[in-house]
Amino acid sequence: MTVRAAWRGVLLISSLLICFLRFGWIWITAALRGRRVSLMQRAEWMRFCGRLVLASMGIHSRVEGELPKGVTVIVANHLSYLDIVIAAAAFPCIFVARHDVVEWPVFGVLSRLGGTIYLDRASRASAWEAVDMMALRLAEGAPVLFFPEGTSTDGSQVIRFHSTLFAAAVEAALPVTPAAISYETCNARSSGMITERDLCWFGDDLFLPHLLRVLGVTGFTAVVRFGAPEFYPDRRTAAWRSHDAVEAMRARSLVNVKLIV
């Protein structure tokens, strides 16, 4: 572990503590007014947490394109667990995540407080339950974001989008907004270079070694590019056209540039 990674680890722990304290304040304020914490309050809190966590990890971020307006379903490619933090920092929304995230230390609690919907990728019934939960979130006025690839990848391609969760947008006659997430890199000053692929979390890569690797990197910029929202007649059309939109935005990304380590 480098000194840089160790220091950022301390900052990360501190930022997570601040996130919990902030939610506690939001909850107390709502309780004193006889209200519950709304979904949009949770989404805005996640946005605060996302920006704070990115700063603590030394990750720069940039948003391109027009931010989504109103209630929409947002779909994005998936490179790692960092994508939730990156997307949350870019735009307040509710997430759909794999079911085991809820069991992650610290991050599982954060996701629950953020109103996350959990999905067992191996269960078709779970997918349709997630659609129902998405419909409820959308009906309350909260945008919902999910990763239709169903898994994180090495970024070399945008794999096929699963169509089931698109049903929530189609049935509610709501637009689907494509978003492309990229990890931009820059020239290294010292030995060793890292590309976007090295920052992706996929396959058998273990969480802690990957996190330490990310914490030790400088020059890492996370970019979220939003495309134009579209209405679709059915979920399969929504899946393939959204896939093409995200793939096209990814193709325009500046990727695999040398990175300072």
C-alpha atoms as a PDB file:
ATOM      1  CA  MET A   1       0.000   0.000   0.000  1.00  0.00           C
ATOM      2  CA  THR A   2       1.354   3.443  -0.944  1.00  0.00           C
ATOM      3  CA  VAL A   3       1.295   6.475   1.337  1.00  0.00           C
ATOM      4  CA  ARG A   4      -1.191   8.057  -1.061  1.00  0.00           C
ATOM      5  CA  ALA A   5      -3.548   5.081  -0.827  1.00  0.00           C
ATOM      6  CA  ALA A   6      -3.291   5.000   2.977  1.00  0.00           C
ATOM      7  CA  TRP A   7      -4.053   8.706   3.300  1.00  0.00           C
ATOM      8  CA  ARG A   8      -7.003   8.500   0.936  1.00  0.00           C
ATOM      9  CA  GLY A   9      -8.257   5.493   2.866  1.00  0.00           C
ATOM     10  CA  VAL A  10      -8.376   7.659   5.983  1.00  0.00           C
ATOM     11  CA  LEU A  11     -10.196  10.379   4.038  1.00  0.00           C
ATOM     12  CA  LEU A  12     -12.648   7.811   2.668  1.00  0.00           C
ATOM     13  CA  ILE A  13     -13.516   6.534   6.133  1.00  0.00           C
ATOM     14  CA  SER A  14     -13.966  10.110   7.342  1.00  0.00           C
ATOM     15  CA  SER A  15     -16.220  10.954   4.391  1.00  0.00           C
ATOM     16  CA  LEU A  16     -18.417   7.914   5.061  1.00  0.00           C
ATOM     17  CA  LEU A  17     -18.797   8.990   8.674  1.00  0.00           C
ATOM     18  CA  ILE A  18     -19.870  12.451   7.521  1.00  0.00           C
ATOM     19  CA  CYS A  19     -22.418  10.824   5.197  1.00  0.00           C
ATOM     20  CA  PHE A  20     -24.000   8.922   8.090  1.00  0.00           C
ATOM     21  CA  LEU A  21     -24.057  12.039  10.275  1.00  0.00           C
ATOM     22  CA  ARG A  22     -25.714  14.038   7.516  1.00  0.00           C
ATOM     23  CA  PHE A  23     -28.408  11.402   7.032  1.00  0.00           C
ATOM     24  CA  GLY A  24     -29.002  11.369  10.788  1.00  0.00           C
ATOM     25  CA  TRP A  25     -29.590  15.122  10.665  1.00  0.00           C
ATOM     26  CA  ILE A  26     -32.002  14.729   7.721  1.00  0.00           C
ATOM     27  CA  TRP A  27     -33.889  11.977   9.565  1.00  0.00           C
ATOM     28  CA  ILE A  28     -34.150  13.973  12.810  1.00  0.00           C
ATOM     29  CA  THR A  29     -35.331  17.082  10.962  1.00  0.00           C
ATOM     30  CA  ALA A  30     -38.009  15.099   9.143  1.00  0.00           C
ATOM     31  CA  ALA A  31     -39.117  13.338  12.341  1.00  0.00           C
ATOM     32  CA  LEU A  32     -39.501  16.630  14.193  1.00  0.00           C
ATOM     33  CA  ARG A  33     -41.851  17.759  11.432  1.00  0.00           C
ATOM     34  CA  GLY A  34     -43.810  14.518  11.611  1.00  0.00           C
ATOM     35  CA  ARG A  35     -42.621  13.406   8.199  1.00  0.00           C
ATOM     36  CA  ARG A  36     -40.576  10.604   6.726  1.00  0.00           C
ATOM     37  CA  VAL A  37     -37.445  11.076   4.706  1.00  0.00           C
ATOM     38  CA  SER A  38     -38.677  11.332   1.113  1.00  0.00           C
ATOM     39  CA  LEU A  39     -37.171   9.495  -1.832  1.00  0.00           C
ATOM     40  CA  MET A  40     -35.863  12.729  -3.330  1.00  0.00           C
ATOM     41  CA  GLN A  41     -34.254  13.636  -0.022  1.00  0.00           C
ATOM     42  CA  ARG A  42     -32.551  10.246  -0.096  1.00  0.00           C
ATOM     43  CA  ALA A  43     -31.478  10.810  -3.716  1.00  0.00           C
ATOM     44  CA  GLU A  44     -30.108  14.267  -2.904  1.00  0.00           C
ATOM     45  CA  TRP A  45     -28.304  12.802   0.105  1.00  0.00           C
ATOM     46  CA  MET A  46     -26.761  10.173  -2.175  1.00  0.00           C
ATOM     47  CA  ARG A  47     -25.612  12.974  -4.450  1.00  0.00           C
ATOM     48  CA  PHE A  48     -23.914  14.672  -1.510  1.00  0.00           C
ATOM     49  CA  CYS A  49     -22.293  11.385  -0.506  1.00  0.00           C
ATOM     50  CA  GLY A  50     -21.176  10.632  -4.040  1.00  0.00           C
ATOM     51  CA  ARG A  51     -19.405  13.962  -4.397  1.00  0.00           C
ATOM     52  CA  LEU A  52     -17.804  13.695  -0.977  1.00  0.00           C
ATOM     53  CA  VAL A  53     -16.595  10.130  -1.531  1.00  0.00           C
ATOM     54  CA  LEU A  54     -15.159  10.938  -4.956  1.00  0.00           C
ATOM     55  CA  ALA A  55     -13.265  13.881  -3.481  1.00  0.00           C
ATOM     56  CA  SER A  56     -11.892  11.737  -0.656  1.00  0.00           C
ATOM     57  CA  MET A  57     -10.677   9.136  -3.172  1.00  0.00           C
ATOM     58  CA  GLY A  58      -9.005  11.724  -5.350  1.00  0.00           C
ATOM     59  CA  ILE A  59     -11.322  11.021  -8.274  1.00  0.00           C
ATOM     60  CA  HIS A  60     -12.241  13.986 -10.445  1.00  0.00           C
ATOM     61  CA  SER A  61     -15.634  13.946 -12.148  1.00  0.00           C
ATOM     62  CA  ARG A  62     -17.252  15.608 -15.134  1.00  0.00           C
ATOM     63  CA  VAL A  63     -20.788  15.576 -16.527  1.00  0.00           C
ATOM     64  CA  GLU A  64     -21.437  16.005 -20.239  1.00  0.00           C
ATOM     65  CA  GLY A  65     -24.729  16.413 -22.056  1.00  0.00           C
ATOM     66  CA  GLU A  66     -27.969  17.746 -20.667  1.00  0.00           C
ATOM     67  CA  LEU A  67     -28.948  16.513 -17.221  1.00  0.00           C
ATOM     68  CA  PRO A  68     -32.192  14.495 -17.164  1.00  0.00           C
ATOM     69  CA  LYS A  69     -35.314  16.487 -16.394  1.00  0.00           C
ATOM     70  CA  GLY A  70     -38.339  15.261 -14.497  1.00  0.00           C
ATOM     71  CA  VAL A  71     -39.072  11.620 -13.809  1.00  0.00           C
ATOM     72  CA  THR A  72     -37.135   9.252 -16.027  1.00  0.00           C
ATOM     73  CA  VAL A  73     -35.447   5.868 -16.087  1.00  0.00           C
ATOM     74  CA  ILE A  74     -31.701   6.203 -16.632  1.00  0.00           C
ATOM     75  CA  VAL A  75     -29.662   3.319 -18.046  1.00  0.00           C
ATOM     76  CA  ALA A  76     -25.864   3.176 -18.034  1.00  0.00           C
ATOM     77  CA  ASN A  77     -23.004   0.850 -18.840  1.00  0.00           C
ATOM     78  CA  HIS A  78     -21.305  -0.744 -15.859  1.00  0.00           C
ATOM     79  CA  LEU A  79     -17.549  -0.756 -15.176  1.00  0.00           C
ATOM     80  CA  SER A  80     -17.302  -1.230 -11.389  1.00  0.00           C
ATOM     81  CA  TYR A  81     -18.850  -0.562  -7.983  1.00  0.00           C
ATOM     82  CA  LEU A  82     -17.547   3.008  -8.413  1.00  0.00           C
ATOM     83  CA  ASP A  83     -20.272   3.653 -10.976  1.00  0.00           C
ATOM     84  CA  ILE A  84     -22.952   4.082  -8.305  1.00  0.00           C
ATOM     85  CA  VAL A  85     -20.839   6.724  -6.564  1.00  0.00           C
ATOM     86  CA  ILE A  86     -20.030   8.401  -9.889  1.00  0.00           C
ATOM     87  CA  ALA A  87     -23.640   8.429 -11.098  1.00  0.00           C
ATOM     88  CA  ALA A  88     -24.947   9.563  -7.705  1.00  0.00           C
ATOM     89  CA  ALA A  89     -22.549  12.518  -7.753  1.00  0.00           C
ATOM     90  CA  ALA A  90     -23.761  13.467 -11.234  1.00  0.00           C
ATOM     91  CA  PHE A  91     -27.521  13.331 -10.714  1.00  0.00           C
ATOM     92  CA  PRO A  92     -29.892  12.605  -7.800  1.00  0.00           C
ATOM     93  CA  CYS A  93     -31.658   9.308  -8.406  1.00  0.00           C
ATOM     94  CA  ILE A  94     -32.589   5.959  -6.903  1.00  0.00           C
ATOM     95  CA  PHE A  95     -30.497   2.945  -7.896  1.00  0.00           C
ATOM     96  CA  VAL A  96     -31.148  -0.684  -8.718  1.00  0.00           C
ATOM     97  CA  ALA A  97     -28.286  -2.860  -7.445  1.00  0.00           C
ATOM     98  CA  ARG A  98     -27.534  -6.553  -7.125  1.00  0.00           C
ATOM     99  CA  HIS A  99     -28.998  -8.153  -4.026  1.00  0.00           C
ATOM    100  CA  ASP A 100     -25.721  -8.895  -2.237  1.00  0.00           C
ATOM    101  CA  VAL A 101     -24.761  -5.196  -2.082  1.00  0.00           C
ATOM    102  CA  VAL A 102     -27.033  -4.868   0.941  1.00  0.00           C
ATOM    103  CA  GLU A 103     -24.674  -7.212   2.829  1.00  0.00           C
ATOM    104  CA  TRP A 104     -21.537  -5.160   2.106  1.00  0.00           C
ATOM    105  CA  PRO A 105     -20.039  -3.550   5.218  1.00  0.00           C
ATOM    106  CA  VAL A 106     -20.846   0.176   5.401  1.00  0.00           C
ATOM    107  CA  PHE A 107     -21.748   0.482   1.712  1.00  0.00           C
ATOM    108  CA  GLY A 108     -24.735  -1.815   2.188  1.00  0.00           C
ATOM    109  CA  VAL A 109     -26.140   0.472   4.879  1.00  0.00           C
ATOM    110  CA  LEU A 110     -25.512   3.507   2.690  1.00  0.00           C
ATOM    111  CA  SER A 111     -27.365   1.900  -0.192  1.00  0.00           C
ATOM    112  CA  ARG A 112     -30.364   1.071   2.011  1.00  0.00           C
ATOM    113  CA  LEU A 113     -30.540   4.621   3.321  1.00  0.00           C
ATOM    114  CA  GLY A 114     -30.415   5.820  -0.288  1.00  0.00           C
ATOM    115  CA  GLY A 115     -33.586   3.895  -1.162  1.00  0.00           C
ATOM    116  CA  THR A 116     -31.823   1.345  -3.383  1.00  0.00           C
ATOM    117  CA  ILE A 117     -33.857  -1.414  -5.025  1.00  0.00           C
ATOM    118  CA  TYR A 118     -32.183  -4.827  -4.832  1.00  0.00           C
ATOM    119  CA  LEU A 119     -32.242  -7.416  -7.577  1.00  0.00           C
ATOM    120  CA  ASP A 120     -31.176 -11.067  -7.646  1.00  0.00           C
ATOM    121  CA  ARG A 121     -29.787 -11.421 -11.168  1.00  0.00           C
ATOM    122  CA  ALA A 122     -30.280 -15.187 -11.087  1.00  0.00           C
ATOM    123  CA  SER A 123     -34.025 -14.893 -10.410  1.00  0.00           C
ATOM    124  CA  ARG A 124     -36.541 -13.820 -13.048  1.00  0.00           C
ATOM    125  CA  ALA A 125     -39.152 -13.371 -10.318  1.00  0.00           C
ATOM    126  CA  SER A 126     -36.790 -10.984  -8.518  1.00  0.00           C
ATOM    127  CA  ALA A 127     -36.424  -8.965 -11.722  1.00  0.00           C
ATOM    128  CA  TRP A 128     -40.181  -8.461 -11.995  1.00  0.00           C
ATOM    129  CA  GLU A 129     -40.369  -7.575  -8.310  1.00  0.00           C
ATOM    130  CA  ALA A 130     -37.725  -4.943  -9.010  1.00  0.00           C
ATOM    131  CA  VAL A 131     -39.896  -3.620 -11.863  1.00  0.00           C
ATOM    132  CA  ASP A 132     -42.774  -3.203  -9.393  1.00  0.00           C
ATOM    133  CA  MET A 133     -40.502  -1.415  -6.925  1.00  0.00           C
ATOM    134  CA  MET A 134     -39.217   0.844  -9.686  1.00  0.00           C
ATOM    135  CA  ALA A 135     -42.798   1.719 -10.605  1.00  0.00           C
ATOM    136  CA  LEU A 136     -43.461   2.789  -7.014  1.00  0.00           C
ATOM    137  CA  ARG A 137     -40.311   4.928  -6.894  1.00  0.00           C
ATOM    138  CA  LEU A 138     -41.148   6.539 -10.231  1.00  0.00           C
ATOM    139  CA  ALA A 139     -44.736   7.213  -9.134  1.00  0.00           C
ATOM    140  CA  GLU A 140     -43.327   9.147  -6.168  1.00  0.00           C
ATOM    141  CA  GLY A 141     -41.380  11.349  -8.563  1.00  0.00           C
ATOM    142  CA  ALA A 142     -37.889   9.872  -8.157  1.00  0.00           C
ATOM    143  CA  PRO A 143     -35.739   9.076 -11.214  1.00  0.00           C
ATOM    144  CA  VAL A 144     -34.372   5.527 -11.198  1.00  0.00           C
ATOM    145  CA  LEU A 145     -31.022   4.361 -12.608  1.00  0.00           C
ATOM    146  CA  PHE A 146     -30.028   0.792 -13.398  1.00  0.00           C
ATOM    147  CA  PHE A 147     -27.266  -1.039 -15.256  1.00  0.00           C
ATOM    148  CA  PRO A 148     -28.945  -3.213 -17.913  1.00  0.00           C
ATOM    149  CA  GLU A 149     -25.788  -5.147 -18.805  1.00  0.00           C
ATOM    150  CA  GLY A 150     -26.439  -7.029 -15.561  1.00  0.00           C
ATOM    151  CA  THR A 151     -22.757  -7.175 -14.646  1.00  0.00           C
ATOM    152  CA  SER A 152     -19.662  -5.001 -14.614  1.00  0.00           C
ATOM    153  CA  THR A 153     -17.268  -5.312 -17.557  1.00  0.00           C
ATOM    154  CA  ASP A 154     -13.707  -4.443 -18.569  1.00  0.00           C
ATOM    155  CA  GLY A 155     -14.984  -1.572 -20.721  1.00  0.00           C
ATOM    156  CA  SER A 156     -13.876  -3.112 -24.015  1.00  0.00           C
ATOM    157  CA  GLN A 157     -17.483  -3.276 -25.190  1.00  0.00           C
ATOM    158  CA  VAL A 158     -21.026  -2.525 -24.071  1.00  0.00           C
ATOM    159  CA  ILE A 159     -22.590  -5.967 -23.785  1.00  0.00           C
ATOM    160  CA  ARG A 160     -26.223  -6.796 -24.470  1.00  0.00           C
ATOM    161  CA  PHE A 161     -28.829  -4.988 -22.376  1.00  0.00           C
ATOM    162  CA  HIS A 162     -31.352  -7.150 -20.528  1.00  0.00           C
ATOM    163  CA  SER A 163     -34.832  -5.853 -21.253  1.00  0.00           C
ATOM    164  CA  THR A 164     -36.932  -6.754 -18.184  1.00  0.00           C
ATOM    165  CA  LEU A 165     -36.368  -3.632 -16.096  1.00  0.00           C
ATOM    166  CA  PHE A 166     -37.199  -1.392 -19.043  1.00  0.00           C
ATOM    167  CA  ALA A 167     -40.815  -2.452 -18.482  1.00  0.00           C
ATOM    168  CA  ALA A 168     -41.079   0.063 -15.626  1.00  0.00           C
ATOM    169  CA  ALA A 169     -40.537   2.967 -18.043  1.00  0.00           C
ATOM    170  CA  VAL A 170     -42.670   1.526 -20.843  1.00  0.00           C
ATOM    171  CA  GLU A 171     -45.654   0.744 -18.600  1.00  0.00           C
ATOM    172  CA  ALA A 172     -45.538   4.205 -16.992  1.00  0.00           C
ATOM    173  CA  ALA A 173     -45.033   5.941 -20.370  1.00  0.00           C
ATOM    174  CA  LEU A 174     -41.840   7.546 -19.087  1.00  0.00           C
ATOM    175  CA  PRO A 175     -38.697   8.364 -21.063  1.00  0.00           C
ATOM    176  CA  VAL A 176     -35.526   6.319 -20.924  1.00  0.00           C
ATOM    177  CA  THR A 177     -32.329   8.368 -20.701  1.00  0.00           C
ATOM    178  CA  PRO A 178     -29.064   6.700 -21.800  1.00  0.00           C
ATOM    179  CA  ALA A 179     -25.862   7.473 -19.897  1.00  0.00           C
ATOM    180  CA  ALA A 180     -22.299   6.438 -20.693  1.00  0.00           C
ATOM    181  CA  ILE A 181     -19.743   6.137 -17.898  1.00  0.00           C
ATOM    182  CA  SER A 182     -16.059   6.387 -18.761  1.00  0.00           C
ATOM    183  CA  TYR A 183     -12.830   6.486 -16.785  1.00  0.00           C
ATOM    184  CA  GLU A 184     -10.461   8.990 -18.369  1.00  0.00           C
ATOM    185  CA  THR A 185      -6.732   8.838 -17.767  1.00  0.00           C
ATOM    186  CA  CYS A 186      -3.722  11.106 -18.263  1.00  0.00           C
ATOM    187  CA  ASN A 187       0.065  10.855 -18.655  1.00  0.00           C
ATOM    188  CA  ALA A 188       2.079   9.321 -15.855  1.00  0.00           C
ATOM    189  CA  ARG A 189       5.009  11.024 -14.180  1.00  0.00           C
ATOM    190  CA  SER A 190       6.418   7.883 -12.605  1.00  0.00           C
ATOM    191  CA  SER A 191       6.793   4.219 -13.392  1.00  0.00           C
ATOM    192  CA  GLY A 192       3.769   2.114 -14.151  1.00  0.00           C
ATOM    193  CA  MET A 193       0.714   3.098 -16.161  1.00  0.00           C
ATOM    194  CA  ILE A 194      -2.946   2.312 -15.674  1.00  0.00           C
ATOM    195  CA  THR A 195      -5.648   2.257 -18.332  1.00  0.00           C
ATOM    196  CA  GLU A 196      -9.418   2.369 -17.984  1.00  0.00           C
ATOM    197  CA  ARG A 197      -9.486  -1.438 -17.984  1.00  0.00           C
ATOM    198  CA  ASP A 198      -7.251  -1.516 -14.896  1.00  0.00           C
ATOM    199  CA  LEU A 199      -9.780   0.626 -13.041  1.00  0.00           C
ATOM    200  CA  CYS A 200     -12.721  -1.590 -13.966  1.00  0.00           C
ATOM    201  CA  TRP A 201     -13.848  -4.192 -11.411  1.00  0.00           C
ATOM    202  CA  PHE A 202     -14.851  -7.379 -13.177  1.00  0.00           C
ATOM    203  CA  GLY A 203     -14.340 -11.114 -13.266  1.00  0.00           C
ATOM    204  CA  ASP A 204     -12.553 -12.522 -10.209  1.00  0.00           C
ATOM    205  CA  ASP A 205     -10.948  -9.242  -9.147  1.00  0.00           C
ATOM    206  CA  LEU A 206     -11.164  -8.914  -5.349  1.00  0.00           C
ATOM    207  CA  PHE A 207     -12.750  -5.813  -3.845  1.00  0.00           C
ATOM    208  CA  LEU A 208     -10.045  -4.704  -1.389  1.00  0.00           C
ATOM    209  CA  PRO A 209      -7.028  -4.995  -3.736  1.00  0.00           C
ATOM    210  CA  HIS A 210      -9.008  -3.128  -6.388  1.00  0.00           C
ATOM    211  CA  LEU A 211     -10.013  -0.389  -3.946  1.00  0.00           C
ATOM    212  CA  LEU A 212      -6.404   0.041  -2.815  1.00  0.00           C
ATOM    213  CA  ARG A 213      -5.325   0.270  -6.439  1.00  0.00           C
ATOM    214  CA  VAL A 214      -7.877   2.995  -7.109  1.00  0.00           C
ATOM    215  CA  LEU A 215      -6.883   4.890  -3.966  1.00  0.00           C
ATOM    216  CA  GLY A 216      -3.286   4.905  -5.125  1.00  0.00           C
ATOM    217  CA  VAL A 217      -4.055   6.486  -8.496  1.00  0.00           C
ATOM    218  CA  THR A 218      -3.951  10.163  -9.481  1.00  0.00           C
ATOM    219  CA  GLY A 219      -5.230  11.661 -12.698  1.00  0.00           C
ATOM    220  CA  PHE A 220      -8.424   9.582 -12.646  1.00  0.00           C
ATOM    221  CA  THR A 221     -11.432  11.452 -14.065  1.00  0.00           C
ATOM    222  CA  ALA A 222     -14.855   9.825 -14.079  1.00  0.00           C
ATOM    223  CA  VAL A 223     -17.108  11.079 -16.864  1.00  0.00           C
ATOM    224  CA  VAL A 224     -20.871  10.659 -17.173  1.00  0.00           C
ATOM    225  CA  ARG A 225     -22.352  11.525 -20.562  1.00  0.00           C
ATOM    226  CA  PHE A 226     -26.125  11.835 -20.754  1.00  0.00           C
ATOM    227  CA  GLY A 227     -27.928  11.242 -24.034  1.00  0.00           C
ATOM    228  CA  ALA A 228     -31.347  12.352 -25.207  1.00  0.00           C
ATOM    229  CA  PRO A 229     -34.363  10.789 -23.445  1.00  0.00           C
ATOM    230  CA  GLU A 230     -36.615   8.616 -25.588  1.00  0.00           C
ATOM    231  CA  PHE A 231     -40.044   7.006 -25.262  1.00  0.00           C
ATOM    232  CA  TYR A 232     -40.363   3.398 -26.402  1.00  0.00           C
ATOM    233  CA  PRO A 233     -43.319   1.186 -27.332  1.00  0.00           C
ATOM    234  CA  ASP A 234     -41.960  -1.947 -25.652  1.00  0.00           C
ATOM    235  CA  ARG A 235     -39.103  -3.044 -23.410  1.00  0.00           C
ATOM    236  CA  ARG A 236     -37.140  -4.923 -26.068  1.00  0.00           C
ATOM    237  CA  THR A 237     -37.034  -1.920 -28.359  1.00  0.00           C
ATOM    238  CA  ALA A 238     -36.033   0.186 -25.370  1.00  0.00           C
ATOM    239  CA  ALA A 239     -33.195  -2.218 -24.561  1.00  0.00           C
ATOM    240  CA  TRP A 240     -31.566  -2.418 -27.970  1.00  0.00           C
ATOM    241  CA  ARG A 241     -31.964   1.264 -28.849  1.00  0.00           C
ATOM    242  CA  SER A 242     -30.653   2.356 -25.448  1.00  0.00           C
ATOM    243  CA  HIS A 243     -27.742  -0.048 -25.873  1.00  0.00           C
ATOM    244  CA  ASP A 244     -26.878   1.531 -29.218  1.00  0.00           C
ATOM    245  CA  ALA A 245     -27.069   5.028 -27.714  1.00  0.00           C
ATOM    246  CA  VAL A 246     -24.758   4.151 -24.818  1.00  0.00           C
ATOM    247  CA  GLU A 247     -22.374   2.302 -27.133  1.00  0.00           C
ATOM    248  CA  ALA A 248     -22.175   5.321 -29.440  1.00  0.00           C
ATOM    249  CA  MET A 249     -21.407   7.652 -26.532  1.00  0.00           C
ATOM    250  CA  ARG A 250     -18.762   5.251 -25.242  1.00  0.00           C
ATOM    251  CA  ALA A 251     -17.173   5.172 -28.702  1.00  0.00           C
ATOM    252  CA  ARG A 252     -16.657   8.929 -28.474  1.00  0.00           C
ATOM    253  CA  SER A 253     -15.017   8.674 -25.067  1.00  0.00           C
ATOM    254  CA  LEU A 254     -11.367   9.436 -24.508  1.00  0.00           C
ATOM    255  CA  VAL A 255     -10.268   6.128 -23.000  1.00  0.00           C
ATOM    256  CA  ASN A 256      -7.117   4.130 -22.387  1.00  0.00           C
ATOM    257  CA  VAL A 257      -4.916   7.191 -21.913  1.00  0.00           C
ATOM    258  CA  LYS A 258      -1.891   6.906 -19.657  1.00  0.00           C
ATOM    259  CA  LEU A 259      -2.567   7.605 -16.000  1.00  0.00           C
ATOM    260  CA  ILE A 260      -0.380   8.890 -13.155  1.00  0.00           C
ATOM    261  CA  VAL A 261       0.202   6.263 -10.481  1.00  0.00           C
END
